[in-house]
Amino acid sequence: MTTARAMSTAVLALLAVALAGCTAVEPASEFDRGPKAGAATGEGVALLVGVEISQTAEADRIAFHFQGDGAPAFRAAYVEPPIVEDGSGNPVEIAGERFVEIRMEPASGADLSGPELVITYPGPHQLPGPAGGVVREAARTGDFEAVLTWVVGADREVPFRVWSDTGPGRIVVEFARR
């Protein structure tokens, strides 16, 4: 009995050590329709390297992936059209009836710290939503003066939640599918 208990304790200790290096993905908020905000978890300008849209059983999800372990500060809220590009003010057509703007700073899809511009996010600036979901489209509407802005078009106003994660850095926005 003592050997079994010692082995159980050892296994639990090893599991605790293994999990200590992992970062749990825990939403910072519950689903609701109000504005969301979060502080930066890294230093300097967060460099965007990927954007993906997916679905879970309860939500449509858009994830912004950043180089390194940290994520920028964020603010997400429903906005009214017209949707315009930062800097130019040009209108941006985005599929959907209701729109959530996700503003991340300091963040960019290009590294300006060296002698030459390095594009870190060469991906598309407009992404279709998942089939059968509430998200219709996501579009980059700004990457200007270390402020990165994307707008998500949904077919109706739904509750959403946002959180940031480290190791690697990312910001995740989920739209309830109810």
Protein backbone atom coordinates (compact mmCIF):
# COMPACT_ATOMS: atom_id res chain seq x y z
CA MET A 1 0.00 0.00 0.00
CA THR A 2 2.85 2.39 0.82
CA THR A 3 4.52 1.69 -2.55
CA ALA A 4 1.28 2.41 -4.44
CA ARG A 5 0.77 5.64 -2.51
CA ALA A 6 4.40 6.70 -3.14
CA MET A 7 3.99 5.95 -6.87
CA SER A 8 0.75 7.96 -7.01
CA THR A 9 2.45 10.88 -5.28
CA ALA A 10 5.40 10.66 -7.70
CA VAL A 11 3.10 10.55 -10.74
CA LEU A 12 1.15 13.57 -9.48
CA ALA A 13 4.38 15.46 -8.84
CA LEU A 14 5.63 14.70 -12.37
CA LEU A 15 2.28 15.74 -13.83
CA ALA A 16 2.41 19.02 -11.90
CA VAL A 17 5.92 19.73 -13.22
CA ALA A 18 4.87 18.90 -16.78
CA LEU A 19 1.80 21.12 -16.59
CA ALA A 20 3.71 24.01 -15.03
CA GLY A 21 5.27 24.78 -18.42
CA CYS A 22 1.90 24.76 -20.19
CA THR A 23 -0.34 27.77 -20.51
CA ALA A 24 -4.01 27.07 -19.99
CA VAL A 25 -6.48 28.69 -22.35
CA GLU A 26 -9.07 30.21 -20.07
CA PRO A 27 -11.57 32.78 -21.32
CA ALA A 28 -11.24 36.12 -19.55
CA SER A 29 -14.96 36.70 -19.82
CA GLU A 30 -18.24 34.93 -20.25
CA PHE A 31 -20.31 35.36 -23.37
CA ASP A 32 -22.10 38.73 -23.40
CA ARG A 33 -22.66 41.62 -25.81
CA GLY A 34 -20.63 44.29 -23.96
CA PRO A 35 -17.19 45.69 -24.81
CA LYS A 36 -14.14 43.66 -23.74
CA ALA A 37 -10.58 44.80 -23.00
CA GLY A 38 -7.34 43.19 -21.89
CA ALA A 39 -3.79 44.28 -21.09
CA ALA A 40 -0.70 43.38 -23.08
CA THR A 41 1.10 40.23 -21.97
CA GLY A 42 4.33 41.03 -23.82
CA GLU A 43 6.67 43.92 -24.40
CA GLY A 44 7.18 45.93 -27.57
CA VAL A 45 5.15 45.66 -30.76
CA ALA A 46 3.42 42.28 -31.07
CA LEU A 47 3.97 40.93 -34.59
CA LEU A 48 1.01 39.14 -36.16
CA VAL A 49 1.99 35.87 -37.88
CA GLY A 50 -1.37 34.17 -38.44
CA VAL A 51 -5.14 34.52 -38.34
CA GLU A 52 -7.52 31.59 -38.35
CA ILE A 53 -11.27 31.15 -38.16
CA SER A 54 -12.72 27.91 -36.81
CA GLN A 55 -15.76 26.49 -35.04
CA THR A 56 -16.39 24.73 -31.76
CA ALA A 57 -19.66 23.18 -30.66
CA GLU A 58 -20.69 26.43 -28.97
CA ALA A 59 -18.93 29.20 -30.90
CA ASP A 60 -17.31 30.55 -34.04
CA ARG A 61 -13.71 31.46 -33.18
CA ILE A 62 -11.16 33.84 -34.66
CA ALA A 63 -7.61 33.57 -33.33
CA PHE A 64 -4.83 36.10 -33.92
CA HIS A 65 -1.39 34.50 -33.51
CA PHE A 66 1.67 36.59 -32.62
CA GLN A 67 5.40 35.96 -32.84
CA GLY A 68 6.89 35.10 -29.45
CA ASP A 69 5.21 34.53 -26.12
CA GLY A 70 3.25 37.74 -25.56
CA ALA A 71 0.08 39.30 -26.95
CA PRO A 72 -0.84 42.97 -27.33
CA ALA A 73 -3.53 44.81 -25.39
CA PHE A 74 -6.96 44.49 -26.97
CA ARG A 75 -10.36 46.12 -27.05
CA ALA A 76 -13.35 44.50 -28.77
CA ALA A 77 -16.82 45.98 -29.15
CA TYR A 78 -19.78 46.15 -31.48
CA VAL A 79 -19.51 49.10 -33.90
CA GLU A 80 -21.90 50.69 -36.37
CA PRO A 81 -21.22 50.91 -40.11
CA PRO A 82 -19.76 52.35 -42.18
CA ILE A 83 -16.59 50.34 -41.58
CA VAL A 84 -13.52 52.27 -42.76
CA GLU A 85 -9.78 51.64 -43.03
CA ASP A 86 -7.54 53.24 -40.41
CA GLY A 87 -5.37 55.94 -41.90
CA SER A 88 -7.07 56.23 -45.31
CA GLY A 89 -10.72 56.37 -44.24
CA ASN A 90 -11.65 54.25 -47.28
CA PRO A 91 -14.81 52.16 -46.82
CA VAL A 92 -14.39 48.40 -46.29
CA GLU A 93 -17.16 46.03 -47.37
CA ILE A 94 -17.58 43.17 -44.86
CA ALA A 95 -20.31 40.53 -45.07
CA GLY A 96 -22.71 40.61 -42.12
CA GLU A 97 -25.41 42.61 -40.40
CA ARG A 98 -23.60 43.37 -37.10
CA PHE A 99 -19.89 44.12 -36.63
CA VAL A 100 -17.34 43.66 -33.85
CA GLU A 101 -14.13 45.68 -34.05
CA ILE A 102 -11.02 44.13 -32.47
CA ARG A 103 -8.33 46.73 -31.83
CA MET A 104 -4.90 45.42 -30.77
CA GLU A 105 -1.96 47.58 -29.71
CA PRO A 106 0.93 47.80 -29.90
CA ALA A 107 0.66 45.33 -32.78
CA SER A 108 1.40 45.05 -36.48
CA GLY A 109 1.62 42.61 -39.36
CA ALA A 110 5.00 44.05 -40.31
CA ASP A 111 8.28 44.44 -38.44
CA LEU A 112 9.60 48.00 -38.80
CA SER A 113 12.43 47.65 -36.26
CA GLY A 114 15.22 46.88 -38.75
CA PRO A 115 16.66 48.63 -41.78
CA GLU A 116 14.05 46.97 -44.05
CA LEU A 117 10.35 46.28 -43.74
CA VAL A 118 9.63 42.60 -42.95
CA ILE A 119 6.06 41.42 -43.48
CA THR A 120 5.23 39.00 -40.64
CA TYR A 121 1.63 38.36 -41.72
CA PRO A 122 1.49 37.80 -45.48
CA GLY A 123 -1.92 36.13 -45.22
CA PRO A 124 -5.24 37.34 -46.59
CA HIS A 125 -6.77 40.54 -45.28
CA GLN A 126 -10.30 39.14 -45.59
CA LEU A 127 -11.32 35.68 -44.37
CA PRO A 128 -14.68 33.96 -44.83
CA GLY A 129 -16.55 32.72 -41.79
CA PRO A 130 -17.18 29.01 -41.20
CA ALA A 131 -20.07 27.34 -43.02
CA GLY A 132 -23.26 27.37 -40.97
CA GLY A 133 -21.87 29.75 -38.34
CA VAL A 134 -22.82 33.24 -37.21
CA VAL A 135 -19.54 34.81 -38.39
CA ARG A 136 -19.75 35.78 -42.05
CA GLU A 137 -16.35 37.38 -42.60
CA ALA A 138 -13.35 38.94 -40.86
CA ALA A 139 -11.34 41.76 -42.43
CA ARG A 140 -8.24 43.71 -41.51
CA THR A 141 -9.23 47.37 -41.45
CA GLY A 142 -6.03 48.83 -40.07
CA ASP A 143 -2.34 48.31 -39.49
CA PHE A 144 -1.23 51.85 -38.79
CA GLU A 145 1.14 53.29 -36.18
CA ALA A 146 1.30 50.03 -34.15
CA VAL A 147 -2.51 49.72 -34.00
CA LEU A 148 -3.81 46.57 -35.68
CA THR A 149 -7.55 46.49 -36.30
CA TRP A 150 -9.79 43.71 -37.60
CA VAL A 151 -13.57 43.78 -37.93
CA VAL A 152 -15.73 40.66 -37.79
CA GLY A 153 -19.11 40.63 -39.54
CA ALA A 154 -21.83 38.42 -38.03
CA ASP A 155 -25.30 37.64 -39.33
CA ARG A 156 -26.84 39.00 -36.09
CA GLU A 157 -25.76 40.47 -32.74
CA VAL A 158 -24.63 37.59 -30.56
CA PRO A 159 -22.80 37.38 -27.24
CA PHE A 160 -19.02 37.08 -27.57
CA ARG A 161 -15.97 36.68 -25.35
CA VAL A 162 -12.27 37.48 -25.74
CA TRP A 163 -9.07 36.38 -24.07
CA SER A 164 -5.34 36.49 -24.66
CA ASP A 165 -2.93 33.64 -24.20
CA THR A 166 0.85 33.37 -23.88
CA GLY A 167 3.39 30.81 -24.99
CA PRO A 168 2.74 31.40 -27.93
CA GLY A 169 0.98 34.76 -27.86
CA ARG A 170 -2.53 35.00 -29.26
CA ILE A 171 -5.85 36.76 -28.89
CA VAL A 172 -8.99 34.65 -29.27
CA VAL A 173 -12.50 35.99 -29.94
CA GLU A 174 -15.46 33.60 -29.75
CA PHE A 175 -18.99 34.33 -30.99
CA ALA A 176 -21.79 32.27 -29.42
CA ARG A 177 -23.68 30.15 -31.93
CA ARG A 178 -26.98 30.17 -29.98
